[in-house]
Structure formats: structure tokens, C-alpha cells
Amino acid sequence: MRAHEFIFGDIRSETIREQILSGASTVVHLANRGFSASTPPSEAQLAIERSTTLKLAEDAVRAGVSRFIVLSSIHVYGRTLVGNVYDDTPADPVSTLGISRLRIEEDLMALAESTSMNVTIIRMSNSFGTPAVPRPETWGLLLHDLCKQAVQSHSLTLRSDPRISRDMMALRDVVDVLQQVINSKRVSSGIYLLASGQTNQLIELAQLVRTEALAQLGKDLSIETSDFATIPPASFTLSPIKLREAGVMIPQNREEEIRDLLRYAVQEFHEATS
């Protein structure tokens, strides 16, 4: 086994793809867009992402890679993201991101059918956590933004309908699951839903941050909400049955991740607390 090696480059480059695939048995493809809902990727950007993902997968086949794992999104469900949602719930995307993700899934499943490479597609729910590489745009994500607010002000402001549902999965739990998938012989080619299985309204998530901020920072924060529509937003519950049936354990470390994210926010915005 070779030591860890970091290779920096653009995977749109054939040379870089050849370099990173040399000697690899498993590829975990995480290079996708969709960081901020306020600045969604353009159709042109998504088209490049789709073509690059397929080229990477095709090159992986030629390089002898045995398993190709790629993160997709629950945005592919679209109109069917309501009530109980399972791995095989029909996809019906409405956003450009969801449509693009579904096309990528279709490309990769077609490749899997024509080759011997195991292609595992993970439809991810929302995730959060301290990034390995600091990126300013991460602070636009829901729980990241709330932790930043907890450090910088004396209240938590929700800018969207507080009744909106989210399944927020701790980043450390996502990494844990991916490690299990890499090592599993029971996870075959196909599409798998990955979620914590816990659905919360935005107001409940803000309350979680408020509780941890009181314990960690000694700040008793108020929660401010925006006006919302009369009709409540649709709720859903995500059930990752196929992963569980394959023996993959899905950990639940959400509160611990929030505590670490608060500590990280203190480090990043310490001037606001001085």
C-alpha cells in the first residue's frame, strides 16, 4: 500500500485524470457543485460537471478501477420529496441541479451495465460540518450560518420559512458511511439513499444551535423568524433502507458536529467575541 499522496489539479484535464487514477482500485468522486442556494450553478457549469464526471468514470474503467463511488443529491426526487422517501422512490426533479444530477446518474448506470466496474451512486441529504479546507462559501449553509450568527450576535435569524423540513447529516457521519461503503462487499452497483433518517424543521435546528451555544459560549440567544406562507411546506422522512440492508451502519453525531462547528466559528470570527 502506498502512502497518502495529494495531487492538486483540474480533473477536466486528461493528464490529471490519468495521474490520479494510476494504481487506484476505488474512486470516490466528490467534486461537484451546489454549495449555496443563493448562487446556484448555471446550466453551463452543470453541463461541464456532467461531461467531466463521465470522462472520469470512463478513464477509471480503462485504468482498471474496480469501484466508482459518486455523490448525487436528493434534489433528484424533486416533486416526490414528500412523505416517506426511499431509495427507489421515483425521481422527478424540478431544479436544474436535480435534473443535472439525474442525468449524471443515468450516464453512470449505463456505463456500469456495459463494464465490470462497480458504480455506486449515493443520493445525499443535506450535510454540515467543519471543512478540511476553509472555504468562505461554506458559511452560507444553514447550520454554518447559524453557528456564525451565534458567535457574532445575540440572536439567530432564520431567513426562510421556519417550518421547512431538512434532514441534516453530520459530515463525520458521511465520511464514516463512505468508508464502510468502500470496504463493503455487499454494496453492489446501484443507487443508494444516504440520510440520517431524522427530519427537523428549520426552527428545531435553530433551537439545537441555541442549546449548544448556551452550553459552549454561555450565550442565551433569541430566535428570530421571517414571515411565512399560510400553507405549511411539505414534510418528508428519508429512509436509507438499501444501505442498512447491506450492513452499513449510519451513525448519529449531529450534536457533536454542531459543537465542533461552533468552536470552528469562534476561531474564524473570534474578533466578534472579544
C-alpha atoms as a PDB file:
ATOM      1  CA  MET A   1       0.000   0.000   0.000  1.00  0.00           C
ATOM      2  CA  ARG A   2       1.409   3.349  -0.994  1.00  0.00           C
ATOM      3  CA  ALA A   3       1.473   6.312   1.373  1.00  0.00           C
ATOM      4  CA  HIS A   4      -1.085   9.083   1.082  1.00  0.00           C
ATOM      5  CA  GLU A   5      -0.376  11.436  -1.771  1.00  0.00           C
ATOM      6  CA  PHE A   6      -2.021  14.758  -2.522  1.00  0.00           C
ATOM      7  CA  ILE A   7      -2.353  15.699  -6.174  1.00  0.00           C
ATOM      8  CA  PHE A   8      -3.713  19.146  -6.943  1.00  0.00           C
ATOM      9  CA  GLY A   9      -5.170  19.837 -10.346  1.00  0.00           C
ATOM     10  CA  ASP A  10      -8.225  20.199 -12.537  1.00  0.00           C
ATOM     11  CA  ILE A  11      -9.975  16.889 -13.255  1.00  0.00           C
ATOM     12  CA  ARG A  12     -11.118  18.323 -16.569  1.00  0.00           C
ATOM     13  CA  SER A  13      -7.510  17.718 -17.620  1.00  0.00           C
ATOM     14  CA  GLU A  14      -6.895  14.300 -19.163  1.00  0.00           C
ATOM     15  CA  THR A  15      -3.338  14.388 -17.787  1.00  0.00           C
ATOM     16  CA  ILE A  16      -4.558  14.984 -14.239  1.00  0.00           C
ATOM     17  CA  ARG A  17      -7.162  12.228 -14.524  1.00  0.00           C
ATOM     18  CA  GLU A  18      -4.521   9.805 -15.728  1.00  0.00           C
ATOM     19  CA  GLN A  19      -2.272  10.802 -12.840  1.00  0.00           C
ATOM     20  CA  ILE A  20      -4.864  10.415 -10.080  1.00  0.00           C
ATOM     21  CA  LEU A  21      -6.231   7.123 -11.436  1.00  0.00           C
ATOM     22  CA  SER A  22      -2.866   5.413 -11.771  1.00  0.00           C
ATOM     23  CA  GLY A  23      -2.844   2.406  -9.431  1.00  0.00           C
ATOM     24  CA  ALA A  24      -6.230   3.253  -7.888  1.00  0.00           C
ATOM     25  CA  SER A  25      -8.717   0.496  -7.099  1.00  0.00           C
ATOM     26  CA  THR A  26     -11.500   2.751  -5.781  1.00  0.00           C
ATOM     27  CA  VAL A  27     -12.567   6.263  -6.758  1.00  0.00           C
ATOM     28  CA  VAL A  28     -14.755   8.437  -4.526  1.00  0.00           C
ATOM     29  CA  HIS A  29     -15.881  11.357  -6.675  1.00  0.00           C
ATOM     30  CA  LEU A  30     -16.872  14.368  -4.562  1.00  0.00           C
ATOM     31  CA  ALA A  31     -16.040  17.217  -6.932  1.00  0.00           C
ATOM     32  CA  ASN A  32     -19.476  18.666  -7.591  1.00  0.00           C
ATOM     33  CA  ARG A  33     -21.285  21.951  -7.312  1.00  0.00           C
ATOM     34  CA  GLY A  34     -24.249  23.116  -5.273  1.00  0.00           C
ATOM     35  CA  PHE A  35     -22.692  24.893  -2.276  1.00  0.00           C
ATOM     36  CA  SER A  36     -25.056  27.822  -1.985  1.00  0.00           C
ATOM     37  CA  ALA A  37     -28.764  28.047  -2.748  1.00  0.00           C
ATOM     38  CA  SER A  38     -28.345  31.819  -3.181  1.00  0.00           C
ATOM     39  CA  THR A  39     -25.953  31.349  -6.115  1.00  0.00           C
ATOM     40  CA  PRO A  40     -26.996  28.120  -7.846  1.00  0.00           C
ATOM     41  CA  PRO A  41     -24.724  26.772 -10.586  1.00  0.00           C
ATOM     42  CA  SER A  42     -25.560  27.712 -14.146  1.00  0.00           C
ATOM     43  CA  GLU A  43     -26.681  25.190 -16.754  1.00  0.00           C
ATOM     44  CA  ALA A  44     -23.316  25.610 -18.496  1.00  0.00           C
ATOM     45  CA  GLN A  45     -21.446  24.794 -15.296  1.00  0.00           C
ATOM     46  CA  LEU A  46     -23.629  21.751 -14.704  1.00  0.00           C
ATOM     47  CA  ALA A  47     -23.065  20.573 -18.273  1.00  0.00           C
ATOM     48  CA  ILE A  48     -19.299  20.725 -17.737  1.00  0.00           C
ATOM     49  CA  GLU A  49     -19.675  18.854 -14.455  1.00  0.00           C
ATOM     50  CA  ARG A  50     -21.689  16.127 -16.168  1.00  0.00           C
ATOM     51  CA  SER A  51     -19.246  15.626 -19.031  1.00  0.00           C
ATOM     52  CA  THR A  52     -16.253  15.693 -16.681  1.00  0.00           C
ATOM     53  CA  THR A  53     -17.809  13.103 -14.364  1.00  0.00           C
ATOM     54  CA  LEU A  54     -18.465  10.744 -17.270  1.00  0.00           C
ATOM     55  CA  LYS A  55     -14.930  11.206 -18.616  1.00  0.00           C
ATOM     56  CA  LEU A  56     -13.515  10.469 -15.157  1.00  0.00           C
ATOM     57  CA  ALA A  57     -15.614   7.304 -14.904  1.00  0.00           C
ATOM     58  CA  GLU A  58     -14.660   6.148 -18.414  1.00  0.00           C
ATOM     59  CA  ASP A  59     -10.986   6.766 -17.658  1.00  0.00           C
ATOM     60  CA  ALA A  60     -11.428   4.831 -14.398  1.00  0.00           C
ATOM     61  CA  VAL A  61     -12.676   1.829 -16.374  1.00  0.00           C
ATOM     62  CA  ARG A  62      -9.620   1.978 -18.644  1.00  0.00           C
ATOM     63  CA  ALA A  63      -7.344   2.323 -15.600  1.00  0.00           C
ATOM     64  CA  GLY A  64      -8.746  -0.865 -14.079  1.00  0.00           C
ATOM     65  CA  VAL A  65     -10.591   0.778 -11.181  1.00  0.00           C
ATOM     66  CA  SER A  66     -12.952  -1.757  -9.596  1.00  0.00           C
ATOM     67  CA  ARG A  67     -15.290   0.631  -7.741  1.00  0.00           C
ATOM     68  CA  PHE A  68     -16.504   4.123  -8.606  1.00  0.00           C
ATOM     69  CA  ILE A  69     -18.459   5.934  -5.880  1.00  0.00           C
ATOM     70  CA  VAL A  70     -20.102   9.266  -6.622  1.00  0.00           C
ATOM     71  CA  LEU A  71     -22.250  11.584  -4.526  1.00  0.00           C
ATOM     72  CA  SER A  72     -25.555  12.622  -6.060  1.00  0.00           C
ATOM     73  CA  SER A  73     -28.357  14.537  -4.336  1.00  0.00           C
ATOM     74  CA  ILE A  74     -31.889  14.184  -3.003  1.00  0.00           C
ATOM     75  CA  HIS A  75     -32.696  17.025  -5.422  1.00  0.00           C
ATOM     76  CA  VAL A  76     -33.303  14.275  -7.996  1.00  0.00           C
ATOM     77  CA  TYR A  77     -36.530  13.394  -6.175  1.00  0.00           C
ATOM     78  CA  GLY A  78     -37.982  16.855  -6.744  1.00  0.00           C
ATOM     79  CA  ARG A  79     -41.775  16.582  -6.663  1.00  0.00           C
ATOM     80  CA  THR A  80     -41.620  13.193  -4.928  1.00  0.00           C
ATOM     81  CA  LEU A  81     -39.641  14.587  -1.962  1.00  0.00           C
ATOM     82  CA  VAL A  82     -42.697  14.379   0.286  1.00  0.00           C
ATOM     83  CA  GLY A  83     -43.926  11.867   2.841  1.00  0.00           C
ATOM     84  CA  ASN A  84     -41.838   8.707   3.170  1.00  0.00           C
ATOM     85  CA  VAL A  85     -38.946   8.716   0.699  1.00  0.00           C
ATOM     86  CA  TYR A  86     -36.914   5.585  -0.042  1.00  0.00           C
ATOM     87  CA  ASP A  87     -34.043   4.569  -2.322  1.00  0.00           C
ATOM     88  CA  ASP A  88     -36.449   3.538  -5.091  1.00  0.00           C
ATOM     89  CA  THR A  89     -38.828   6.494  -4.798  1.00  0.00           C
ATOM     90  CA  PRO A  90     -39.258   7.731  -8.413  1.00  0.00           C
ATOM     91  CA  ALA A  91     -37.100  10.681  -9.407  1.00  0.00           C
ATOM     92  CA  ASP A  92     -38.977  13.749 -10.605  1.00  0.00           C
ATOM     93  CA  PRO A  93     -36.548  16.699 -10.406  1.00  0.00           C
ATOM     94  CA  VAL A  94     -37.697  20.278 -10.885  1.00  0.00           C
ATOM     95  CA  SER A  95     -34.470  22.253 -10.385  1.00  0.00           C
ATOM     96  CA  THR A  96     -31.607  22.471 -12.877  1.00  0.00           C
ATOM     97  CA  LEU A  97     -29.364  20.925 -10.212  1.00  0.00           C
ATOM     98  CA  GLY A  98     -31.707  17.983  -9.699  1.00  0.00           C
ATOM     99  CA  ILE A  99     -32.113  17.420 -13.441  1.00  0.00           C
ATOM    100  CA  SER A 100     -28.337  17.509 -13.917  1.00  0.00           C
ATOM    101  CA  ARG A 101     -27.755  15.047 -11.067  1.00  0.00           C
ATOM    102  CA  LEU A 102     -30.282  12.632 -12.532  1.00  0.00           C
ATOM    103  CA  ARG A 103     -28.588  12.791 -15.947  1.00  0.00           C
ATOM    104  CA  ILE A 104     -25.243  12.028 -14.321  1.00  0.00           C
ATOM    105  CA  GLU A 105     -26.819   9.049 -12.556  1.00  0.00           C
ATOM    106  CA  GLU A 106     -28.204   7.782 -15.870  1.00  0.00           C
ATOM    107  CA  ASP A 107     -24.805   8.190 -17.563  1.00  0.00           C
ATOM    108  CA  LEU A 108     -23.045   6.247 -14.850  1.00  0.00           C
ATOM    109  CA  MET A 109     -25.637   3.467 -14.632  1.00  0.00           C
ATOM    110  CA  ALA A 110     -25.351   2.974 -18.396  1.00  0.00           C
ATOM    111  CA  LEU A 111     -21.573   2.726 -18.002  1.00  0.00           C
ATOM    112  CA  ALA A 112     -21.954   0.192 -15.182  1.00  0.00           C
ATOM    113  CA  GLU A 113     -24.157  -2.000 -17.362  1.00  0.00           C
ATOM    114  CA  SER A 114     -21.556  -2.102 -20.129  1.00  0.00           C
ATOM    115  CA  THR A 115     -18.462  -2.663 -17.948  1.00  0.00           C
ATOM    116  CA  SER A 116     -17.378  -4.690 -14.928  1.00  0.00           C
ATOM    117  CA  MET A 117     -16.750  -1.614 -12.753  1.00  0.00           C
ATOM    118  CA  ASN A 118     -18.954  -1.321  -9.659  1.00  0.00           C
ATOM    119  CA  VAL A 119     -20.697   2.063  -9.827  1.00  0.00           C
ATOM    120  CA  THR A 120     -22.222   3.154  -6.525  1.00  0.00           C
ATOM    121  CA  ILE A 121     -24.344   6.309  -6.547  1.00  0.00           C
ATOM    122  CA  ILE A 122     -25.070   7.894  -3.166  1.00  0.00           C
ATOM    123  CA  ARG A 123     -28.055  10.247  -3.092  1.00  0.00           C
ATOM    124  CA  MET A 124     -27.082  12.583  -0.261  1.00  0.00           C
ATOM    125  CA  SER A 125     -29.338  14.542   2.041  1.00  0.00           C
ATOM    126  CA  ASN A 126     -28.046  17.826   3.490  1.00  0.00           C
ATOM    127  CA  SER A 127     -24.792  17.595   5.411  1.00  0.00           C
ATOM    128  CA  PHE A 128     -22.774  20.011   7.524  1.00  0.00           C
ATOM    129  CA  GLY A 129     -19.523  20.139   9.453  1.00  0.00           C
ATOM    130  CA  THR A 130     -16.116  21.669   9.890  1.00  0.00           C
ATOM    131  CA  PRO A 131     -14.421  21.719   6.456  1.00  0.00           C
ATOM    132  CA  ALA A 132     -10.994  20.180   5.971  1.00  0.00           C
ATOM    133  CA  VAL A 133     -10.074  23.155   3.787  1.00  0.00           C
ATOM    134  CA  PRO A 134     -11.502  26.562   4.836  1.00  0.00           C
ATOM    135  CA  ARG A 135     -13.876  27.946   2.215  1.00  0.00           C
ATOM    136  CA  PRO A 136     -15.800  31.195   2.775  1.00  0.00           C
ATOM    137  CA  GLU A 137     -18.857  29.929   0.883  1.00  0.00           C
ATOM    138  CA  THR A 138     -19.498  27.223   3.478  1.00  0.00           C
ATOM    139  CA  TRP A 139     -20.739  29.913   5.870  1.00  0.00           C
ATOM    140  CA  GLY A 140     -23.767  30.344   3.623  1.00  0.00           C
ATOM    141  CA  LEU A 141     -25.018  26.867   4.535  1.00  0.00           C
ATOM    142  CA  LEU A 142     -27.842  26.700   7.077  1.00  0.00           C
ATOM    143  CA  LEU A 143     -26.187  25.329  10.217  1.00  0.00           C
ATOM    144  CA  HIS A 144     -22.893  27.006   9.378  1.00  0.00           C
ATOM    145  CA  ASP A 145     -24.669  30.347   9.119  1.00  0.00           C
ATOM    146  CA  LEU A 146     -26.494  29.772  12.417  1.00  0.00           C
ATOM    147  CA  CYS A 147     -23.228  28.936  14.197  1.00  0.00           C
ATOM    148  CA  LYS A 148     -21.641  32.066  12.735  1.00  0.00           C
ATOM    149  CA  GLN A 149     -24.608  34.113  13.948  1.00  0.00           C
ATOM    150  CA  ALA A 150     -24.280  32.534  17.400  1.00  0.00           C
ATOM    151  CA  VAL A 151     -20.716  33.838  17.631  1.00  0.00           C
ATOM    152  CA  GLN A 152     -21.299  37.255  16.094  1.00  0.00           C
ATOM    153  CA  SER A 153     -24.648  38.335  17.522  1.00  0.00           C
ATOM    154  CA  HIS A 154     -27.169  37.769  20.304  1.00  0.00           C
ATOM    155  CA  SER A 155     -29.852  36.182  18.169  1.00  0.00           C
ATOM    156  CA  LEU A 156     -30.359  33.556  15.486  1.00  0.00           C
ATOM    157  CA  THR A 157     -32.267  34.732  12.425  1.00  0.00           C
ATOM    158  CA  LEU A 158     -33.994  32.301  10.070  1.00  0.00           C
ATOM    159  CA  ARG A 159     -34.448  33.874   6.645  1.00  0.00           C
ATOM    160  CA  SER A 160     -36.672  31.107   5.278  1.00  0.00           C
ATOM    161  CA  ASP A 161     -39.954  29.628   6.444  1.00  0.00           C
ATOM    162  CA  PRO A 162     -39.089  28.068   9.840  1.00  0.00           C
ATOM    163  CA  ARG A 163     -41.385  25.128   9.085  1.00  0.00           C
ATOM    164  CA  ILE A 164     -39.296  23.910   6.130  1.00  0.00           C
ATOM    165  CA  SER A 165     -38.030  20.363   6.664  1.00  0.00           C
ATOM    166  CA  ARG A 166     -34.409  19.260   6.481  1.00  0.00           C
ATOM    167  CA  ASP A 167     -32.535  16.023   7.136  1.00  0.00           C
ATOM    168  CA  MET A 168     -29.150  17.314   8.314  1.00  0.00           C
ATOM    169  CA  MET A 169     -26.378  14.722   8.483  1.00  0.00           C
ATOM    170  CA  ALA A 170     -23.099  15.332  10.297  1.00  0.00           C
ATOM    171  CA  LEU A 171     -20.120  15.403   7.940  1.00  0.00           C
ATOM    172  CA  ARG A 172     -18.206  12.952  10.139  1.00  0.00           C
ATOM    173  CA  ASP A 173     -21.098  10.507   9.718  1.00  0.00           C
ATOM    174  CA  VAL A 174     -20.990  10.894   5.929  1.00  0.00           C
ATOM    175  CA  VAL A 175     -17.256  10.120   5.963  1.00  0.00           C
ATOM    176  CA  ASP A 176     -17.890   7.097   8.197  1.00  0.00           C
ATOM    177  CA  VAL A 177     -20.531   5.732   5.823  1.00  0.00           C
ATOM    178  CA  LEU A 178     -18.346   6.268   2.757  1.00  0.00           C
ATOM    179  CA  GLN A 179     -15.541   4.342   4.454  1.00  0.00           C
ATOM    180  CA  GLN A 180     -17.941   1.479   5.123  1.00  0.00           C
ATOM    181  CA  VAL A 181     -19.127   1.510   1.512  1.00  0.00           C
ATOM    182  CA  ILE A 182     -15.536   1.403   0.251  1.00  0.00           C
ATOM    183  CA  ASN A 183     -14.796  -1.663   2.380  1.00  0.00           C
ATOM    184  CA  SER A 184     -18.132  -3.423   1.827  1.00  0.00           C
ATOM    185  CA  LYS A 185     -18.545  -6.389  -0.492  1.00  0.00           C
ATOM    186  CA  ARG A 186     -22.324  -6.215  -0.108  1.00  0.00           C
ATOM    187  CA  VAL A 187     -22.798  -2.772  -1.665  1.00  0.00           C
ATOM    188  CA  SER A 188     -23.216  -3.554  -5.353  1.00  0.00           C
ATOM    189  CA  SER A 189     -23.690  -1.265  -8.333  1.00  0.00           C
ATOM    190  CA  GLY A 190     -26.786   0.849  -7.928  1.00  0.00           C
ATOM    191  CA  ILE A 191     -28.382   3.881  -6.336  1.00  0.00           C
ATOM    192  CA  TYR A 192     -28.454   4.317  -2.555  1.00  0.00           C
ATOM    193  CA  LEU A 193     -30.078   6.976  -0.408  1.00  0.00           C
ATOM    194  CA  LEU A 194     -27.943   8.364   2.425  1.00  0.00           C
ATOM    195  CA  ALA A 195     -29.578  10.364   5.214  1.00  0.00           C
ATOM    196  CA  SER A 196     -29.701  10.467   8.982  1.00  0.00           C
ATOM    197  CA  GLY A 197     -33.367   9.493   8.944  1.00  0.00           C
ATOM    198  CA  GLN A 198     -34.149  12.409  11.271  1.00  0.00           C
ATOM    199  CA  THR A 199     -36.294  15.173   9.811  1.00  0.00           C
ATOM    200  CA  ASN A 200     -36.419  18.548  11.561  1.00  0.00           C
ATOM    201  CA  GLN A 201     -37.973  21.876  10.801  1.00  0.00           C
ATOM    202  CA  LEU A 202     -35.599  24.827  10.478  1.00  0.00           C
ATOM    203  CA  ILE A 203     -36.864  26.222  13.781  1.00  0.00           C
ATOM    204  CA  GLU A 204     -35.895  22.959  15.504  1.00  0.00           C
ATOM    205  CA  LEU A 205     -32.405  23.103  14.020  1.00  0.00           C
ATOM    206  CA  ALA A 206     -32.044  26.686  15.236  1.00  0.00           C
ATOM    207  CA  GLN A 207     -33.074  25.501  18.690  1.00  0.00           C
ATOM    208  CA  LEU A 208     -30.330  22.862  18.598  1.00  0.00           C
ATOM    209  CA  VAL A 209     -27.746  25.561  17.843  1.00  0.00           C
ATOM    210  CA  ARG A 210     -29.230  27.757  20.574  1.00  0.00           C
ATOM    211  CA  THR A 211     -28.876  24.920  23.130  1.00  0.00           C
ATOM    212  CA  GLU A 212     -25.248  24.223  22.174  1.00  0.00           C
ATOM    213  CA  ALA A 213     -24.394  27.945  22.108  1.00  0.00           C
ATOM    214  CA  LEU A 214     -25.695  28.318  25.650  1.00  0.00           C
ATOM    215  CA  ALA A 215     -23.589  25.368  26.809  1.00  0.00           C
ATOM    216  CA  GLN A 216     -20.443  26.219  24.820  1.00  0.00           C
ATOM    217  CA  LEU A 217     -20.467  30.015  24.696  1.00  0.00           C
ATOM    218  CA  GLY A 218     -22.639  30.930  27.649  1.00  0.00           C
ATOM    219  CA  LYS A 219     -24.895  32.958  25.331  1.00  0.00           C
ATOM    220  CA  ASP A 220     -28.671  32.792  25.662  1.00  0.00           C
ATOM    221  CA  LEU A 221     -29.742  33.567  22.110  1.00  0.00           C
ATOM    222  CA  SER A 222     -33.174  34.516  20.881  1.00  0.00           C
ATOM    223  CA  ILE A 223     -34.518  33.074  17.630  1.00  0.00           C
ATOM    224  CA  GLU A 224     -35.979  35.444  15.049  1.00  0.00           C
ATOM    225  CA  THR A 225     -38.132  34.123  12.202  1.00  0.00           C
ATOM    226  CA  SER A 226     -39.412  35.604   8.952  1.00  0.00           C
ATOM    227  CA  ASP A 227     -42.981  35.768   7.735  1.00  0.00           C
ATOM    228  CA  PHE A 228     -44.158  32.577   6.136  1.00  0.00           C
ATOM    229  CA  ALA A 229     -46.934  31.365   3.864  1.00  0.00           C
ATOM    230  CA  THR A 230     -50.267  30.206   5.240  1.00  0.00           C
ATOM    231  CA  ILE A 231     -49.914  26.734   3.725  1.00  0.00           C
ATOM    232  CA  PRO A 232     -47.164  24.789   5.538  1.00  0.00           C
ATOM    233  CA  PRO A 233     -44.326  23.368   3.398  1.00  0.00           C
ATOM    234  CA  ALA A 234     -44.403  19.653   2.613  1.00  0.00           C
ATOM    235  CA  SER A 235     -42.565  17.435   5.067  1.00  0.00           C
ATOM    236  CA  PHE A 236     -40.649  14.240   4.352  1.00  0.00           C
ATOM    237  CA  THR A 237     -38.780  11.397   6.005  1.00  0.00           C
ATOM    238  CA  LEU A 238     -35.735   9.897   4.264  1.00  0.00           C
ATOM    239  CA  SER A 239     -35.215   6.164   4.810  1.00  0.00           C
ATOM    240  CA  PRO A 240     -31.839   4.754   3.641  1.00  0.00           C
ATOM    241  CA  ILE A 241     -33.043   1.148   3.583  1.00  0.00           C
ATOM    242  CA  LYS A 242     -30.650  -0.296   0.979  1.00  0.00           C
ATOM    243  CA  LEU A 243     -27.502   0.780   2.825  1.00  0.00           C
ATOM    244  CA  ARG A 244     -28.804  -0.671   6.074  1.00  0.00           C
ATOM    245  CA  GLU A 245     -29.719  -3.923   4.326  1.00  0.00           C
ATOM    246  CA  ALA A 246     -26.136  -4.068   3.022  1.00  0.00           C
ATOM    247  CA  GLY A 247     -24.880  -3.895   6.620  1.00  0.00           C
ATOM    248  CA  VAL A 248     -23.863  -0.235   6.582  1.00  0.00           C
ATOM    249  CA  MET A 249     -24.342   1.436   9.962  1.00  0.00           C
ATOM    250  CA  ILE A 250     -25.406   5.081   9.854  1.00  0.00           C
ATOM    251  CA  PRO A 251     -24.051   6.909  12.916  1.00  0.00           C
ATOM    252  CA  GLN A 252     -25.824   9.823  14.558  1.00  0.00           C
ATOM    253  CA  ASN A 253     -23.362  12.511  15.712  1.00  0.00           C
ATOM    254  CA  ARG A 254     -25.268  15.651  14.828  1.00  0.00           C
ATOM    255  CA  GLU A 255     -24.985  17.420  18.194  1.00  0.00           C
ATOM    256  CA  GLU A 256     -21.255  16.711  18.403  1.00  0.00           C
ATOM    257  CA  GLU A 257     -20.788  18.125  14.908  1.00  0.00           C
ATOM    258  CA  ILE A 258     -22.689  21.280  15.889  1.00  0.00           C
ATOM    259  CA  ARG A 259     -20.416  21.711  18.923  1.00  0.00           C
ATOM    260  CA  ASP A 260     -17.311  21.388  16.743  1.00  0.00           C
ATOM    261  CA  LEU A 261     -18.773  23.790  14.193  1.00  0.00           C
ATOM    262  CA  LEU A 262     -19.399  26.347  16.941  1.00  0.00           C
ATOM    263  CA  ARG A 263     -15.776  26.016  18.085  1.00  0.00           C
ATOM    264  CA  TYR A 264     -14.647  26.466  14.497  1.00  0.00           C
ATOM    265  CA  ALA A 265     -16.838  29.573  14.150  1.00  0.00           C
ATOM    266  CA  VAL A 266     -15.247  31.013  17.300  1.00  0.00           C
ATOM    267  CA  GLN A 267     -11.794  30.511  15.755  1.00  0.00           C
ATOM    268  CA  GLU A 268     -12.851  32.100  12.473  1.00  0.00           C
ATOM    269  CA  PHE A 269     -14.740  35.049  13.964  1.00  0.00           C
ATOM    270  CA  HIS A 270     -13.012  35.469  17.322  1.00  0.00           C
ATOM    271  CA  GLU A 271     -12.830  39.247  16.919  1.00  0.00           C
ATOM    272  CA  ALA A 272     -16.598  39.408  17.239  1.00  0.00           C
ATOM    273  CA  THR A 273     -16.440  37.816  20.680  1.00  0.00           C
ATOM    274  CA  SER A 274     -13.652  39.990  22.078  1.00  0.00           C
END
